[in-house]
Amino acid sequence: MDHAIVVEKLNVWIREDHVLKDIVLKVPQGYITAIMGPSGSGKSTLLRSMNRLVELIPGAKVKGKVKVFGKDIYTEDPYKVRKDITMVSQNPNPFPHMSIYDNVAIGPRIHKLVKNREKLDELVKWSLEKAMLWDEVKDRLSDPPTVLSGGQQQRLCLARALALKPKILMLDEPTANIDPVNSKKIEDAIKALVRDEGITVIFVTHTPAQAVRVSDFIAFIYNGKIVEYGLSRELALNPGHELTEKFLRGEIG
């Protein structure tokens, strides 16, 4: 099995807080991996360490290696890293001063991914379709994103990330603050992206049921350490560690 990301002895400090401790993780290429764990366990920091967004946190210090398709990203241009590994945050954050169309088009324009307006239109449409939003916004692309519901805005952020044609898509609890209907659409979109486009997806979740429902693999993290990692259903049905079992039962969180 090929691996999109290989993490080797990763340690991260935020000021004096040792957030991640000797993380070792291999993320399979072309699959969905969930990072699951209780609040404060280091899930989001781990995600941000795998695309160098952690460096934007004041007081952050990183030690160890993160290899993406064989290259250590901490020796690469961080802007290229973040283009190839795009991120969708927990809270919907479209650019309010831009139209729905321009929210999706801004990345391709900055990175000169298309040669003309026709190709840009095609890319915007593709991105919105993959985010399962096109049919809902195709007649109001010039409107601001504030006309959309919170769940629609989150799917717009997904489309914005996809417009960069990333090799890896990361999502930090993408359905935590939206309604069940939009949550289902995001989950379905994630699975379709892997199935149809071969994108590698890594997402953070606080919910064991979602991790099992959506992902192929689960990494359970607790107190900054990977406690257990394996196939989602096997880990859920037969956890190999007491902490994993307690988390699945809702005893810690």
C-alpha atoms as a PDB file:
ATOM      1  CA  MET A   1       0.000   0.000   0.000  1.00  0.00           C
ATOM      2  CA  ASP A   2       1.321   3.430  -0.968  1.00  0.00           C
ATOM      3  CA  HIS A   3       1.339   6.155   1.659  1.00  0.00           C
ATOM      4  CA  ALA A   4       0.476   9.797   1.017  1.00  0.00           C
ATOM      5  CA  ILE A   5       1.904  10.963   4.345  1.00  0.00           C
ATOM      6  CA  VAL A   6       4.484   9.409   6.644  1.00  0.00           C
ATOM      7  CA  VAL A   7       4.969  11.076  10.037  1.00  0.00           C
ATOM      8  CA  GLU A   8       8.190  10.241  11.879  1.00  0.00           C
ATOM      9  CA  LYS A   9       8.784  11.090  15.547  1.00  0.00           C
ATOM     10  CA  LEU A  10       6.783  14.313  15.338  1.00  0.00           C
ATOM     11  CA  ASN A  11       6.814  16.552  18.400  1.00  0.00           C
ATOM     12  CA  VAL A  12       5.026  19.883  18.593  1.00  0.00           C
ATOM     13  CA  TRP A  13       5.123  22.495  21.314  1.00  0.00           C
ATOM     14  CA  ILE A  14       2.810  25.500  21.557  1.00  0.00           C
ATOM     15  CA  ARG A  15       4.779  27.839  23.808  1.00  0.00           C
ATOM     16  CA  GLU A  16       5.449  25.656  26.873  1.00  0.00           C
ATOM     17  CA  ASP A  17       2.772  23.062  26.125  1.00  0.00           C
ATOM     18  CA  HIS A  18       4.072  19.779  24.623  1.00  0.00           C
ATOM     19  CA  VAL A  19       1.014  19.093  22.438  1.00  0.00           C
ATOM     20  CA  LEU A  20       2.206  16.197  20.235  1.00  0.00           C
ATOM     21  CA  LYS A  21       4.604  13.563  21.531  1.00  0.00           C
ATOM     22  CA  ASP A  22       6.620  11.268  19.254  1.00  0.00           C
ATOM     23  CA  ILE A  23       3.846  10.848  16.695  1.00  0.00           C
ATOM     24  CA  VAL A  24       4.409   8.040  14.181  1.00  0.00           C
ATOM     25  CA  LEU A  25       1.722   7.670  11.512  1.00  0.00           C
ATOM     26  CA  LYS A  26       1.378   6.411   7.946  1.00  0.00           C
ATOM     27  CA  VAL A  27      -1.600   7.740   5.979  1.00  0.00           C
ATOM     28  CA  PRO A  28      -2.579   5.485   3.048  1.00  0.00           C
ATOM     29  CA  GLN A  29      -2.903   7.151  -0.348  1.00  0.00           C
ATOM     30  CA  GLY A  30      -6.387   7.240  -1.868  1.00  0.00           C
ATOM     31  CA  TYR A  31      -8.280   6.463   1.332  1.00  0.00           C
ATOM     32  CA  ILE A  32     -10.081   8.347   4.099  1.00  0.00           C
ATOM     33  CA  THR A  33      -8.309   8.513   7.456  1.00  0.00           C
ATOM     34  CA  ALA A  34     -10.056   9.845  10.549  1.00  0.00           C
ATOM     35  CA  ILE A  35      -8.139  11.338  13.463  1.00  0.00           C
ATOM     36  CA  MET A  36     -10.353  10.660  16.454  1.00  0.00           C
ATOM     37  CA  GLY A  37      -9.984  11.587  20.091  1.00  0.00           C
ATOM     38  CA  PRO A  38     -11.333  13.655  22.977  1.00  0.00           C
ATOM     39  CA  SER A  39     -11.127  17.436  23.161  1.00  0.00           C
ATOM     40  CA  GLY A  40      -7.628  18.718  23.820  1.00  0.00           C
ATOM     41  CA  SER A  41      -5.926  15.525  22.681  1.00  0.00           C
ATOM     42  CA  GLY A  42      -3.969  17.177  19.849  1.00  0.00           C
ATOM     43  CA  LYS A  43      -6.160  16.222  16.867  1.00  0.00           C
ATOM     44  CA  SER A  44      -6.239  19.640  15.208  1.00  0.00           C
ATOM     45  CA  THR A  45      -2.561  20.294  15.930  1.00  0.00           C
ATOM     46  CA  LEU A  46      -1.665  17.009  14.237  1.00  0.00           C
ATOM     47  CA  LEU A  47      -3.727  17.963  11.200  1.00  0.00           C
ATOM     48  CA  ARG A  48      -2.081  21.380  10.970  1.00  0.00           C
ATOM     49  CA  SER A  49       1.352  19.844  11.389  1.00  0.00           C
ATOM     50  CA  MET A  50       0.807  17.836   8.222  1.00  0.00           C
ATOM     51  CA  ASN A  51       0.400  20.942   6.033  1.00  0.00           C
ATOM     52  CA  ARG A  52       2.547  23.417   7.986  1.00  0.00           C
ATOM     53  CA  LEU A  53      -0.354  25.577   9.152  1.00  0.00           C
ATOM     54  CA  VAL A  54       0.867  24.889  12.691  1.00  0.00           C
ATOM     55  CA  GLU A  55       3.696  27.330  12.021  1.00  0.00           C
ATOM     56  CA  LEU A  56       1.166  30.161  11.914  1.00  0.00           C
ATOM     57  CA  ILE A  57       0.349  29.595  15.594  1.00  0.00           C
ATOM     58  CA  PRO A  58       2.360  31.953  17.834  1.00  0.00           C
ATOM     59  CA  GLY A  59       4.941  30.078  19.871  1.00  0.00           C
ATOM     60  CA  ALA A  60       4.746  26.869  17.828  1.00  0.00           C
ATOM     61  CA  LYS A  61       7.828  24.671  17.604  1.00  0.00           C
ATOM     62  CA  VAL A  62       8.026  21.520  15.467  1.00  0.00           C
ATOM     63  CA  LYS A  63      10.541  18.693  15.665  1.00  0.00           C
ATOM     64  CA  GLY A  64      10.492  15.532  13.557  1.00  0.00           C
ATOM     65  CA  LYS A  65       9.573  14.742   9.970  1.00  0.00           C
ATOM     66  CA  VAL A  66       6.422  14.814   7.895  1.00  0.00           C
ATOM     67  CA  LYS A  67       6.932  13.251   4.474  1.00  0.00           C
ATOM     68  CA  VAL A  68       4.325  13.810   1.781  1.00  0.00           C
ATOM     69  CA  PHE A  69       4.780  11.526  -1.207  1.00  0.00           C
ATOM     70  CA  GLY A  70       8.332  10.963  -0.011  1.00  0.00           C
ATOM     71  CA  LYS A  71       9.357  14.608   0.497  1.00  0.00           C
ATOM     72  CA  ASP A  72       9.854  16.195   3.912  1.00  0.00           C
ATOM     73  CA  ILE A  73       7.427  19.136   3.821  1.00  0.00           C
ATOM     74  CA  TYR A  74       9.467  21.042   6.410  1.00  0.00           C
ATOM     75  CA  THR A  75      12.200  21.439   3.795  1.00  0.00           C
ATOM     76  CA  GLU A  76       9.732  22.553   1.083  1.00  0.00           C
ATOM     77  CA  ASP A  77       8.101  25.888   0.244  1.00  0.00           C
ATOM     78  CA  PRO A  78       5.237  26.184   2.772  1.00  0.00           C
ATOM     79  CA  TYR A  79       2.977  27.945   0.259  1.00  0.00           C
ATOM     80  CA  LYS A  80       3.284  25.060  -2.201  1.00  0.00           C
ATOM     81  CA  VAL A  81       2.682  22.598   0.633  1.00  0.00           C
ATOM     82  CA  ARG A  82      -0.558  24.359   1.578  1.00  0.00           C
ATOM     83  CA  LYS A  83      -1.706  24.418  -2.044  1.00  0.00           C
ATOM     84  CA  ASP A  84      -1.199  20.678  -2.456  1.00  0.00           C
ATOM     85  CA  ILE A  85      -2.688  19.911   0.982  1.00  0.00           C
ATOM     86  CA  THR A  86      -5.781  22.075   1.358  1.00  0.00           C
ATOM     87  CA  MET A  87      -7.753  22.578   4.552  1.00  0.00           C
ATOM     88  CA  VAL A  88     -11.378  23.069   5.554  1.00  0.00           C
ATOM     89  CA  SER A  89     -11.793  24.474   9.057  1.00  0.00           C
ATOM     90  CA  GLN A  90     -14.394  23.668  11.681  1.00  0.00           C
ATOM     91  CA  ASN A  91     -16.274  26.952  11.309  1.00  0.00           C
ATOM     92  CA  PRO A  92     -17.474  28.068   7.861  1.00  0.00           C
ATOM     93  CA  ASN A  93     -15.233  30.954   6.795  1.00  0.00           C
ATOM     94  CA  PRO A  94     -16.058  32.106   3.253  1.00  0.00           C
ATOM     95  CA  PHE A  95     -14.778  35.538   2.248  1.00  0.00           C
ATOM     96  CA  PRO A  96     -17.826  37.766   2.899  1.00  0.00           C
ATOM     97  CA  HIS A  97     -16.683  40.587   0.584  1.00  0.00           C
ATOM     98  CA  MET A  98     -16.473  38.249  -2.422  1.00  0.00           C
ATOM     99  CA  SER A  99     -19.195  36.614  -4.484  1.00  0.00           C
ATOM    100  CA  ILE A 100     -19.889  32.904  -4.304  1.00  0.00           C
ATOM    101  CA  TYR A 101     -18.094  32.522  -7.641  1.00  0.00           C
ATOM    102  CA  ASP A 102     -15.050  34.516  -6.548  1.00  0.00           C
ATOM    103  CA  ASN A 103     -14.771  32.571  -3.292  1.00  0.00           C
ATOM    104  CA  VAL A 104     -14.119  29.451  -5.357  1.00  0.00           C
ATOM    105  CA  ALA A 105     -12.108  31.175  -8.085  1.00  0.00           C
ATOM    106  CA  ILE A 106      -9.642  33.074  -5.886  1.00  0.00           C
ATOM    107  CA  GLY A 107      -7.226  30.169  -5.369  1.00  0.00           C
ATOM    108  CA  PRO A 108      -6.947  29.194  -9.041  1.00  0.00           C
ATOM    109  CA  ARG A 109      -6.464  32.861  -9.944  1.00  0.00           C
ATOM    110  CA  ILE A 110      -3.660  33.386  -7.415  1.00  0.00           C
ATOM    111  CA  HIS A 111      -1.874  30.195  -8.422  1.00  0.00           C
ATOM    112  CA  LYS A 112      -2.599  30.656 -12.159  1.00  0.00           C
ATOM    113  CA  LEU A 113      -4.111  27.195 -12.488  1.00  0.00           C
ATOM    114  CA  VAL A 114      -6.201  28.054 -15.556  1.00  0.00           C
ATOM    115  CA  LYS A 115      -5.456  29.941 -18.768  1.00  0.00           C
ATOM    116  CA  ASN A 116      -8.743  31.724 -19.456  1.00  0.00           C
ATOM    117  CA  ARG A 117     -12.193  32.543 -18.089  1.00  0.00           C
ATOM    118  CA  GLU A 118     -13.808  29.546 -19.774  1.00  0.00           C
ATOM    119  CA  LYS A 119     -11.467  27.143 -17.990  1.00  0.00           C
ATOM    120  CA  LEU A 120     -12.003  29.013 -14.725  1.00  0.00           C
ATOM    121  CA  ASP A 121     -15.769  28.701 -15.134  1.00  0.00           C
ATOM    122  CA  GLU A 122     -15.345  24.961 -15.677  1.00  0.00           C
ATOM    123  CA  LEU A 123     -13.170  24.617 -12.571  1.00  0.00           C
ATOM    124  CA  VAL A 124     -15.586  26.611 -10.402  1.00  0.00           C
ATOM    125  CA  LYS A 125     -18.483  24.472 -11.589  1.00  0.00           C
ATOM    126  CA  TRP A 126     -16.542  21.247 -11.012  1.00  0.00           C
ATOM    127  CA  SER A 127     -15.578  22.324  -7.500  1.00  0.00           C
ATOM    128  CA  LEU A 128     -19.135  23.277  -6.576  1.00  0.00           C
ATOM    129  CA  GLU A 129     -20.442  20.027  -8.019  1.00  0.00           C
ATOM    130  CA  LYS A 130     -17.958  17.991  -6.022  1.00  0.00           C
ATOM    131  CA  ALA A 131     -19.048  19.897  -2.900  1.00  0.00           C
ATOM    132  CA  MET A 132     -22.661  19.042  -3.808  1.00  0.00           C
ATOM    133  CA  LEU A 133     -23.537  22.731  -3.953  1.00  0.00           C
ATOM    134  CA  TRP A 134     -23.786  23.582  -7.659  1.00  0.00           C
ATOM    135  CA  ASP A 135     -27.531  23.016  -8.062  1.00  0.00           C
ATOM    136  CA  GLU A 136     -28.220  25.267  -5.066  1.00  0.00           C
ATOM    137  CA  VAL A 137     -26.088  28.223  -6.182  1.00  0.00           C
ATOM    138  CA  LYS A 138     -25.765  28.058  -9.987  1.00  0.00           C
ATOM    139  CA  ASP A 139     -28.288  30.884 -10.461  1.00  0.00           C
ATOM    140  CA  ARG A 140     -26.785  33.173  -7.820  1.00  0.00           C
ATOM    141  CA  LEU A 141     -23.036  32.918  -8.286  1.00  0.00           C
ATOM    142  CA  SER A 142     -22.722  36.700  -8.118  1.00  0.00           C
ATOM    143  CA  ASP A 143     -24.376  36.860  -4.679  1.00  0.00           C
ATOM    144  CA  PRO A 144     -22.291  37.134  -1.487  1.00  0.00           C
ATOM    145  CA  PRO A 145     -21.895  33.955   0.571  1.00  0.00           C
ATOM    146  CA  THR A 146     -23.898  35.545   3.372  1.00  0.00           C
ATOM    147  CA  VAL A 147     -27.086  34.574   1.511  1.00  0.00           C
ATOM    148  CA  LEU A 148     -26.239  30.921   2.168  1.00  0.00           C
ATOM    149  CA  SER A 149     -27.004  28.886   5.260  1.00  0.00           C
ATOM    150  CA  GLY A 150     -24.162  27.877   7.563  1.00  0.00           C
ATOM    151  CA  GLY A 151     -24.065  24.395   6.101  1.00  0.00           C
ATOM    152  CA  GLN A 152     -24.028  25.742   2.559  1.00  0.00           C
ATOM    153  CA  GLN A 153     -21.211  28.104   3.509  1.00  0.00           C
ATOM    154  CA  GLN A 154     -19.226  25.122   4.794  1.00  0.00           C
ATOM    155  CA  ARG A 155     -19.735  23.330   1.483  1.00  0.00           C
ATOM    156  CA  LEU A 156     -18.629  26.512  -0.280  1.00  0.00           C
ATOM    157  CA  CYS A 157     -15.419  26.348   1.759  1.00  0.00           C
ATOM    158  CA  LEU A 158     -15.029  22.749   0.640  1.00  0.00           C
ATOM    159  CA  ALA A 159     -15.439  23.854  -2.981  1.00  0.00           C
ATOM    160  CA  ARG A 160     -12.866  26.605  -2.432  1.00  0.00           C
ATOM    161  CA  ALA A 161     -10.382  24.015  -1.167  1.00  0.00           C
ATOM    162  CA  LEU A 162     -11.105  21.672  -4.066  1.00  0.00           C
ATOM    163  CA  ALA A 163     -10.598  24.404  -6.658  1.00  0.00           C
ATOM    164  CA  LEU A 164      -6.856  24.180  -5.986  1.00  0.00           C
ATOM    165  CA  LYS A 165      -6.989  20.549  -7.188  1.00  0.00           C
ATOM    166  CA  PRO A 166      -5.214  19.317  -4.041  1.00  0.00           C
ATOM    167  CA  LYS A 167      -3.485  15.987  -3.720  1.00  0.00           C
ATOM    168  CA  ILE A 168      -4.623  15.741  -0.111  1.00  0.00           C
ATOM    169  CA  LEU A 169      -7.724  17.251   1.499  1.00  0.00           C
ATOM    170  CA  MET A 170      -7.819  17.912   5.234  1.00  0.00           C
ATOM    171  CA  LEU A 171     -10.929  18.743   7.247  1.00  0.00           C
ATOM    172  CA  ASP A 172     -11.011  19.777  10.897  1.00  0.00           C
ATOM    173  CA  GLU A 173     -14.356  18.640  12.360  1.00  0.00           C
ATOM    174  CA  PRO A 174     -16.124  19.917   9.208  1.00  0.00           C
ATOM    175  CA  THR A 175     -19.636  19.030  10.373  1.00  0.00           C
ATOM    176  CA  ALA A 176     -19.347  20.073  14.033  1.00  0.00           C
ATOM    177  CA  ASN A 177     -21.305  23.314  13.652  1.00  0.00           C
ATOM    178  CA  ILE A 178     -23.772  22.584  10.861  1.00  0.00           C
ATOM    179  CA  ASP A 179     -27.139  20.855  10.503  1.00  0.00           C
ATOM    180  CA  PRO A 180     -27.612  17.110   9.820  1.00  0.00           C
ATOM    181  CA  VAL A 181     -28.672  17.570   6.179  1.00  0.00           C
ATOM    182  CA  ASN A 182     -25.539  19.509   5.246  1.00  0.00           C
ATOM    183  CA  SER A 183     -23.426  17.180   7.373  1.00  0.00           C
ATOM    184  CA  LYS A 184     -24.671  14.209   5.340  1.00  0.00           C
ATOM    185  CA  LYS A 185     -23.877  16.021   2.089  1.00  0.00           C
ATOM    186  CA  ILE A 186     -20.320  16.753   3.240  1.00  0.00           C
ATOM    187  CA  GLU A 187     -19.812  13.146   4.297  1.00  0.00           C
ATOM    188  CA  ASP A 188     -21.132  11.937   0.932  1.00  0.00           C
ATOM    189  CA  ALA A 189     -18.931  14.449  -0.895  1.00  0.00           C
ATOM    190  CA  ILE A 190     -15.830  13.257   0.951  1.00  0.00           C
ATOM    191  CA  LYS A 191     -16.494   9.624   0.046  1.00  0.00           C
ATOM    192  CA  ALA A 192     -17.186  10.513  -3.600  1.00  0.00           C
ATOM    193  CA  LEU A 193     -13.947  12.516  -3.852  1.00  0.00           C
ATOM    194  CA  VAL A 194     -11.933   9.487  -2.821  1.00  0.00           C
ATOM    195  CA  ARG A 195     -13.910   7.089  -4.992  1.00  0.00           C
ATOM    196  CA  ASP A 196     -14.072   9.222  -8.141  1.00  0.00           C
ATOM    197  CA  GLU A 197     -11.039  11.508  -7.943  1.00  0.00           C
ATOM    198  CA  GLY A 198      -8.554   9.462  -5.927  1.00  0.00           C
ATOM    199  CA  ILE A 199      -7.952  12.279  -3.452  1.00  0.00           C
ATOM    200  CA  THR A 200      -6.516  11.323  -0.068  1.00  0.00           C
ATOM    201  CA  VAL A 201      -8.716  12.660   2.735  1.00  0.00           C
ATOM    202  CA  ILE A 202      -7.811  13.162   6.391  1.00  0.00           C
ATOM    203  CA  PHE A 203     -10.418  14.512   8.776  1.00  0.00           C
ATOM    204  CA  VAL A 204     -10.637  15.217  12.469  1.00  0.00           C
ATOM    205  CA  THR A 205     -13.715  14.171  14.387  1.00  0.00           C
ATOM    206  CA  HIS A 206     -14.841  14.055  17.992  1.00  0.00           C
ATOM    207  CA  THR A 207     -17.551  11.526  17.084  1.00  0.00           C
ATOM    208  CA  PRO A 208     -16.701   7.815  16.914  1.00  0.00           C
ATOM    209  CA  ALA A 209     -19.840   7.033  14.891  1.00  0.00           C
ATOM    210  CA  GLN A 210     -18.793   9.500  12.190  1.00  0.00           C
ATOM    211  CA  ALA A 211     -15.257   8.150  12.100  1.00  0.00           C
ATOM    212  CA  VAL A 212     -16.533   4.623  11.527  1.00  0.00           C
ATOM    213  CA  ARG A 213     -19.238   5.713   9.077  1.00  0.00           C
ATOM    214  CA  VAL A 214     -16.990   7.772   6.816  1.00  0.00           C
ATOM    215  CA  SER A 215     -13.378   6.609   7.123  1.00  0.00           C
ATOM    216  CA  ASP A 216     -11.369   3.605   6.009  1.00  0.00           C
ATOM    217  CA  PHE A 217      -8.751   4.022   8.756  1.00  0.00           C
ATOM    218  CA  ILE A 218      -8.840   5.564  12.231  1.00  0.00           C
ATOM    219  CA  ALA A 219      -6.003   7.009  14.287  1.00  0.00           C
ATOM    220  CA  PHE A 220      -7.042   7.401  17.931  1.00  0.00           C
ATOM    221  CA  ILE A 221      -5.069  10.106  19.693  1.00  0.00           C
ATOM    222  CA  TYR A 222      -5.058  10.768  23.434  1.00  0.00           C
ATOM    223  CA  ASN A 223      -2.956  13.251  25.396  1.00  0.00           C
ATOM    224  CA  GLY A 224      -0.808  14.019  22.364  1.00  0.00           C
ATOM    225  CA  LYS A 225       0.018  10.400  21.507  1.00  0.00           C
ATOM    226  CA  ILE A 226      -1.291   7.957  18.914  1.00  0.00           C
ATOM    227  CA  VAL A 227      -2.792   5.229  21.082  1.00  0.00           C
ATOM    228  CA  GLU A 228      -4.136   3.034  18.301  1.00  0.00           C
ATOM    229  CA  TYR A 229      -4.348   2.999  14.506  1.00  0.00           C
ATOM    230  CA  GLY A 230      -6.042   0.590  12.134  1.00  0.00           C
ATOM    231  CA  LEU A 231      -8.956  -0.246   9.856  1.00  0.00           C
ATOM    232  CA  SER A 232     -12.016   1.676  11.020  1.00  0.00           C
ATOM    233  CA  ARG A 233     -14.463  -1.149  11.544  1.00  0.00           C
ATOM    234  CA  GLU A 234     -11.890  -3.454  13.099  1.00  0.00           C
ATOM    235  CA  LEU A 235     -10.827  -0.757  15.552  1.00  0.00           C
ATOM    236  CA  ALA A 236     -14.445   0.041  16.414  1.00  0.00           C
ATOM    237  CA  LEU A 237     -15.499  -3.586  16.895  1.00  0.00           C
ATOM    238  CA  ASN A 238     -12.343  -4.827  18.581  1.00  0.00           C
ATOM    239  CA  PRO A 239     -10.281  -1.971  20.035  1.00  0.00           C
ATOM    240  CA  GLY A 240      -6.834  -3.051  21.139  1.00  0.00           C
ATOM    241  CA  HIS A 241      -6.353  -0.479  23.883  1.00  0.00           C
ATOM    242  CA  GLU A 242      -8.363   0.277  27.008  1.00  0.00           C
ATOM    243  CA  LEU A 243      -8.385   4.029  26.271  1.00  0.00           C
ATOM    244  CA  THR A 244      -9.834   3.432  22.814  1.00  0.00           C
ATOM    245  CA  GLU A 245     -12.533   1.229  24.262  1.00  0.00           C
ATOM    246  CA  LYS A 246     -13.427   3.823  26.907  1.00  0.00           C
ATOM    247  CA  PHE A 247     -13.632   6.561  24.271  1.00  0.00           C
ATOM    248  CA  LEU A 248     -15.874   4.452  22.055  1.00  0.00           C
ATOM    249  CA  ARG A 249     -18.146   3.823  25.035  1.00  0.00           C
ATOM    250  CA  GLY A 250     -18.300   7.540  25.808  1.00  0.00           C
ATOM    251  CA  GLU A 251     -16.485   7.236  29.121  1.00  0.00           C
ATOM    252  CA  ILE A 252     -13.808   9.751  28.161  1.00  0.00           C
ATOM    253  CA  GLY A 253     -14.166  12.771  25.926  1.00  0.00           C
END
